[in-house]
Each structure stands twice: as structure tokens, then as C-alpha cells.
Amino acid sequence: MKITLLLAAAIAAGSIAAPMSARVVLSDDNAVTGGGGTHLPPYLQCVPYARQVSGINIFGDAWTWWNQADGRYARGYRPKVGAVMALRPHGNSRLGHVAAVSRIVDSRTILIRHANWSPINGRRGQIEDNVRVVDVSEGNDWSMVRIWFAPIQALGGSQWPVQGFIYPAKPGRNEALSRPSAAKPAAAPQASSRARSKDPIADIIGQRMGW
């Protein structure tokens, strides 16, 4: 990626320090940093990478993206390819997290690309592509997810609250945001009307009594 090459060039030129080693964190609860300054840090944070791959031109900490997008970008609660998934601060993650959706697998699974989530080879600030995210909300409304965590080669144990998805498009007029309710089962077909008998009084009594 262009931003990765720029970062490597800056390191080679000595304008920023080389990445420092960090211990491998075996819990995804404290793996996320979503700060977004105007200068690249010694490791790549999630904000500049999400901005680069999505084209959504928002700056600032990850947790601020959802509100910043109000009136500037379309928003919603369903994943779409090219959208940015915005996570709320949770647990030890005080800055939230943003990631770009790269593929819809099914109604409960997507793939994302993001940075600075999993420590890889002992280093923070790494880029990951085709990362699995699973919706674990009861209503399948994408309000809560689990995310693949590289050190354990499995979905992380934490459940992350999702603010929503920011789409690379202008918002519609009078955009109304409400989470979709859980899908309701189809109504059972009503029993066909019972055939009329030759006794209309009996029919009326049967209807009143629910026979």
C-alpha cells in the first residue's frame, strides 16, 4: 500500500523511529488503539489505514468517526463492501477502532482489512487483510461482533460493540438511523374457512366458540 511505502521511506530516512518491539498480547481486549493524529506514528494506526483504503476522509480518534460522519457520509447498520465499521470504545480500548469492509460472506460474517489490531511477530501496528468478523448479536443487527485475533489464530474472546457502518457516499435526505429489528418468522398460513354446513346457527355458535 502507498501509505506503507511512505512509512518505510520515512523510517529509512530517519525522520521517524523504527518500530519498537512489543510483547505479544494474548487477549484482544487490550490490542486496539484507534488514535488518529495528522502524523504517522512509528507503527500504523487503524485510522490512517481505514482512511486510505476506504476514501472516507475523516480524521481524529476512531471513536469520533461515527459522529463526524453525520451529514457528510451515509451511515447505517448493515455492512457493505467499502464501508468502514466503527467500533465503540470497550474494555481497555479507549479510542475505539475502525476497519474497512472488504467482503460480505453471509448474513453473519464479513471480511475486513484493518491495522493495529493483532500484534504480529511481536510488533504492533501491522496491516491485516481478509480478517474474519462475526456478528454475535441476538437480533443479527450487527451491534456486537467478534474479530479474528492473529496471536491465537481464532476469533478473539471479546465481544465488541459496533457504532455502525460509514459508507463512502453522501447521506440521503432526512437520513433516519434505526437498527433493523430481528427478522420475524413468517406468519403461519391461516386455516381455510370451514365449509358452511346446512345449519347456519351452528356455524355462528362454532365461530363464537372457536370450534
Protein backbone atom coordinates (compact mmCIF):
# COMPACT_ATOMS: atom_id res chain seq x y z
CA MET A 1 0.00 0.00 0.00
CA LYS A 2 1.10 3.56 -0.71
CA ILE A 3 0.90 4.57 2.92
CA THR A 4 3.05 1.59 3.92
CA LEU A 5 5.73 2.60 1.40
CA LEU A 6 5.67 6.17 2.70
CA LEU A 7 6.09 4.89 6.24
CA ALA A 8 9.01 2.67 5.21
CA ALA A 9 10.66 5.58 3.41
CA ALA A 10 10.29 7.81 6.46
CA ILE A 11 11.92 5.17 8.64
CA ALA A 12 14.77 4.72 6.18
CA ALA A 13 15.32 8.47 6.06
CA GLY A 14 15.45 8.64 9.83
CA SER A 15 12.57 11.10 10.10
CA ILE A 16 10.75 8.71 12.40
CA ALA A 17 12.00 5.92 14.60
CA ALA A 18 11.90 2.28 13.53
CA PRO A 19 9.04 0.24 15.03
CA MET A 20 9.67 -0.84 18.59
CA SER A 21 9.10 -4.41 19.68
CA ALA A 22 6.06 -5.09 21.81
CA ARG A 23 5.11 -8.14 23.76
CA VAL A 24 2.54 -10.40 22.15
CA VAL A 25 -0.86 -9.80 23.71
CA LEU A 26 -2.92 -12.96 24.01
CA SER A 27 -6.21 -11.21 24.61
CA ASP A 28 -7.88 -8.98 22.07
CA ASP A 29 -9.38 -6.89 24.87
CA ASN A 30 -6.36 -4.59 25.01
CA ALA A 31 -5.00 -4.91 21.49
CA VAL A 32 -6.70 -1.95 19.88
CA THR A 33 -5.51 1.61 19.54
CA GLY A 34 -7.57 3.84 17.33
CA GLY A 35 -5.89 7.22 17.67
CA GLY A 36 -5.68 9.36 14.58
CA GLY A 37 -3.24 12.23 14.55
CA THR A 38 -2.08 14.09 11.46
CA HIS A 39 1.37 12.44 11.50
CA LEU A 40 2.08 8.76 11.15
CA PRO A 41 3.36 7.18 14.37
CA PRO A 42 6.20 4.62 14.47
CA TYR A 43 3.54 1.98 13.82
CA LEU A 44 0.47 2.25 11.63
CA GLN A 45 -2.72 3.05 13.49
CA CYS A 46 -6.15 1.98 12.33
CA VAL A 47 -7.39 5.47 11.42
CA PRO A 48 -4.95 6.44 8.62
CA TYR A 49 -5.20 2.96 7.13
CA ALA A 50 -9.02 2.94 7.12
CA ARG A 51 -8.99 6.40 5.58
CA GLN A 52 -6.53 5.27 2.90
CA VAL A 53 -8.37 2.13 1.78
CA SER A 54 -11.93 3.46 2.06
CA GLY A 55 -11.55 7.00 0.78
CA ILE A 56 -13.62 8.24 3.72
CA ASN A 57 -11.80 11.42 4.60
CA ILE A 58 -12.31 11.63 8.35
CA PHE A 59 -9.56 12.44 10.86
CA GLY A 60 -9.37 12.09 14.61
CA ASP A 61 -9.67 9.18 17.02
CA ALA A 62 -11.64 6.16 15.83
CA TRP A 63 -14.44 6.62 18.36
CA THR A 64 -15.22 10.06 16.86
CA TRP A 65 -15.72 8.84 13.29
CA TRP A 66 -19.39 7.89 13.65
CA ASN A 67 -20.48 11.35 14.81
CA GLN A 68 -18.10 13.11 12.43
CA ALA A 69 -19.71 11.27 9.52
CA ASP A 70 -23.13 12.76 10.37
CA GLY A 71 -24.17 14.94 7.44
CA ARG A 72 -21.01 14.12 5.46
CA TYR A 73 -21.31 10.42 4.69
CA ALA A 74 -24.15 7.94 4.56
CA ARG A 75 -24.39 5.74 7.63
CA GLY A 76 -26.24 2.59 8.55
CA TYR A 77 -26.22 -0.66 10.46
CA ARG A 78 -25.61 -3.17 7.69
CA PRO A 79 -22.13 -3.97 6.35
CA LYS A 80 -21.38 -3.13 2.72
CA VAL A 81 -18.18 -3.59 0.75
CA GLY A 82 -16.14 -0.38 1.01
CA ALA A 83 -17.83 0.77 4.21
CA VAL A 84 -15.97 1.50 7.42
CA MET A 85 -17.05 -0.42 10.51
CA ALA A 86 -16.77 1.81 13.57
CA LEU A 87 -16.33 0.17 16.98
CA ARG A 88 -17.19 1.87 20.24
CA PRO A 89 -14.57 2.16 23.00
CA HIS A 90 -14.81 -1.01 25.05
CA GLY A 91 -12.81 -2.64 27.83
CA ASN A 92 -9.23 -1.42 27.66
CA SER A 93 -9.81 0.12 24.25
CA ARG A 94 -10.43 3.79 24.98
CA LEU A 95 -10.10 5.06 21.41
CA GLY A 96 -12.34 2.65 19.54
CA HIS A 97 -11.38 1.11 16.20
CA VAL A 98 -12.20 1.49 12.51
CA ALA A 99 -11.86 -1.12 9.76
CA ALA A 100 -12.82 -1.30 6.09
CA VAL A 101 -15.23 -3.99 4.90
CA SER A 102 -13.74 -5.96 2.01
CA ARG A 103 -16.24 -8.81 1.53
CA ILE A 104 -19.68 -9.98 2.66
CA VAL A 105 -19.56 -13.72 3.33
CA ASP A 106 -23.07 -14.25 4.70
CA SER A 107 -25.61 -12.54 6.96
CA ARG A 108 -23.38 -13.12 10.00
CA THR A 109 -19.86 -12.98 8.55
CA ILE A 110 -17.77 -10.36 6.80
CA LEU A 111 -14.10 -9.89 5.94
CA ILE A 112 -12.32 -6.67 6.78
CA ARG A 113 -8.94 -5.03 6.30
CA HIS A 114 -7.50 -3.05 9.18
CA ALA A 115 -4.36 -2.01 11.03
CA ASN A 116 -3.07 -2.14 14.58
CA TRP A 117 -5.30 -4.89 15.88
CA SER A 118 -3.20 -8.04 16.25
CA PRO A 119 0.41 -7.99 17.39
CA ILE A 120 2.25 -9.90 14.63
CA ASN A 121 5.80 -11.19 15.15
CA GLY A 122 5.86 -9.22 18.38
CA ARG A 123 5.08 -5.90 16.71
CA ARG A 124 2.05 -3.63 16.91
CA GLY A 125 0.74 -1.51 14.07
CA GLN A 126 0.51 -4.29 11.49
CA ILE A 127 -1.83 -4.42 8.49
CA GLU A 128 -4.19 -7.39 8.18
CA ASP A 129 -6.34 -8.28 5.16
CA ASN A 130 -9.24 -10.73 4.85
CA VAL A 131 -9.86 -10.70 8.61
CA ARG A 132 -12.99 -12.56 9.68
CA VAL A 133 -15.64 -10.71 11.69
CA VAL A 134 -18.73 -12.48 13.02
CA ASP A 135 -21.94 -10.80 14.14
CA VAL A 136 -22.81 -12.24 17.56
CA SER A 137 -25.79 -10.00 18.33
CA GLU A 138 -29.01 -11.78 19.27
CA GLY A 139 -31.01 -9.99 16.61
CA ASN A 140 -28.44 -10.25 13.78
CA ASP A 141 -28.32 -6.44 13.74
CA TRP A 142 -24.50 -6.10 13.75
CA SER A 143 -24.49 -4.32 17.10
CA MET A 144 -21.93 -6.76 18.57
CA VAL A 145 -19.10 -8.64 16.86
CA ARG A 146 -16.13 -10.90 17.47
CA ILE A 147 -12.97 -10.39 15.42
CA TRP A 148 -10.18 -12.73 14.32
CA PHE A 149 -7.12 -12.30 16.52
CA ALA A 150 -3.84 -13.45 14.96
CA PRO A 151 -1.88 -14.47 18.12
CA ILE A 152 -4.42 -17.17 18.93
CA GLN A 153 -5.37 -17.95 15.30
CA ALA A 154 -9.05 -17.78 16.16
CA LEU A 155 -11.84 -15.33 16.84
CA GLY A 156 -10.98 -13.23 19.89
CA GLY A 157 -12.95 -13.84 23.05
CA SER A 158 -14.16 -10.26 23.42
CA GLN A 159 -17.46 -9.06 22.01
CA TRP A 160 -17.05 -5.61 20.52
CA PRO A 161 -19.91 -3.08 20.35
CA VAL A 162 -20.38 -1.59 16.89
CA GLN A 163 -21.49 2.02 16.41
CA GLY A 164 -22.41 1.30 12.81
CA PHE A 165 -21.10 1.41 9.26
CA ILE A 166 -19.99 4.54 7.41
CA TYR A 167 -20.48 4.34 3.64
CA PRO A 168 -18.36 6.20 1.04
CA ALA A 169 -21.37 8.12 -0.27
CA LYS A 170 -23.29 11.26 0.56
CA PRO A 171 -26.10 10.86 3.08
CA GLY A 172 -29.65 10.77 1.83
CA ARG A 173 -32.10 13.49 2.68
CA ASN A 174 -33.58 13.20 6.15
CA GLU A 175 -31.42 10.19 6.87
CA ALA A 176 -33.07 8.26 9.69
CA LEU A 177 -30.97 5.80 11.62
CA SER A 178 -32.53 2.90 13.44
CA ARG A 179 -31.17 -0.57 13.90
CA PRO A 180 -33.08 -3.22 11.97
CA SER A 181 -35.17 -5.38 14.24
CA ALA A 182 -34.64 -9.10 14.39
CA ALA A 183 -36.16 -10.93 11.48
CA LYS A 184 -39.62 -12.13 12.37
CA PRO A 185 -40.68 -15.61 11.36
CA ALA A 186 -43.20 -15.74 8.57
CA ALA A 187 -46.76 -15.84 9.79
CA ALA A 188 -48.31 -19.27 9.75
CA PRO A 189 -50.87 -19.63 6.99
CA GLN A 190 -54.35 -19.24 8.31
CA ALA A 191 -56.57 -22.28 8.28
CA SER A 192 -59.02 -22.25 5.45
CA SER A 193 -62.54 -21.27 6.36
CA ARG A 194 -64.56 -24.25 7.41
CA ALA A 195 -67.17 -25.26 4.97
CA ARG A 196 -70.61 -23.94 5.67
CA SER A 197 -72.98 -26.51 6.97
CA LYS A 198 -76.68 -26.63 6.36
CA ASP A 199 -77.17 -25.28 9.88
CA PRO A 200 -76.22 -21.53 9.93
CA ILE A 201 -76.98 -21.23 13.66
CA ALA A 202 -74.47 -23.99 14.39
CA ASP A 203 -71.95 -22.14 12.20
CA ILE A 204 -72.36 -18.94 14.24
CA ILE A 205 -72.02 -20.80 17.53
CA GLY A 206 -68.94 -22.60 16.26
CA GLN A 207 -67.30 -19.33 15.22
CA ARG A 208 -68.03 -17.71 18.59
CA MET A 209 -66.71 -20.71 20.48
CA GLY A 210 -63.66 -21.11 18.23
CA TRP A 211 -64.59 -24.61 17.13
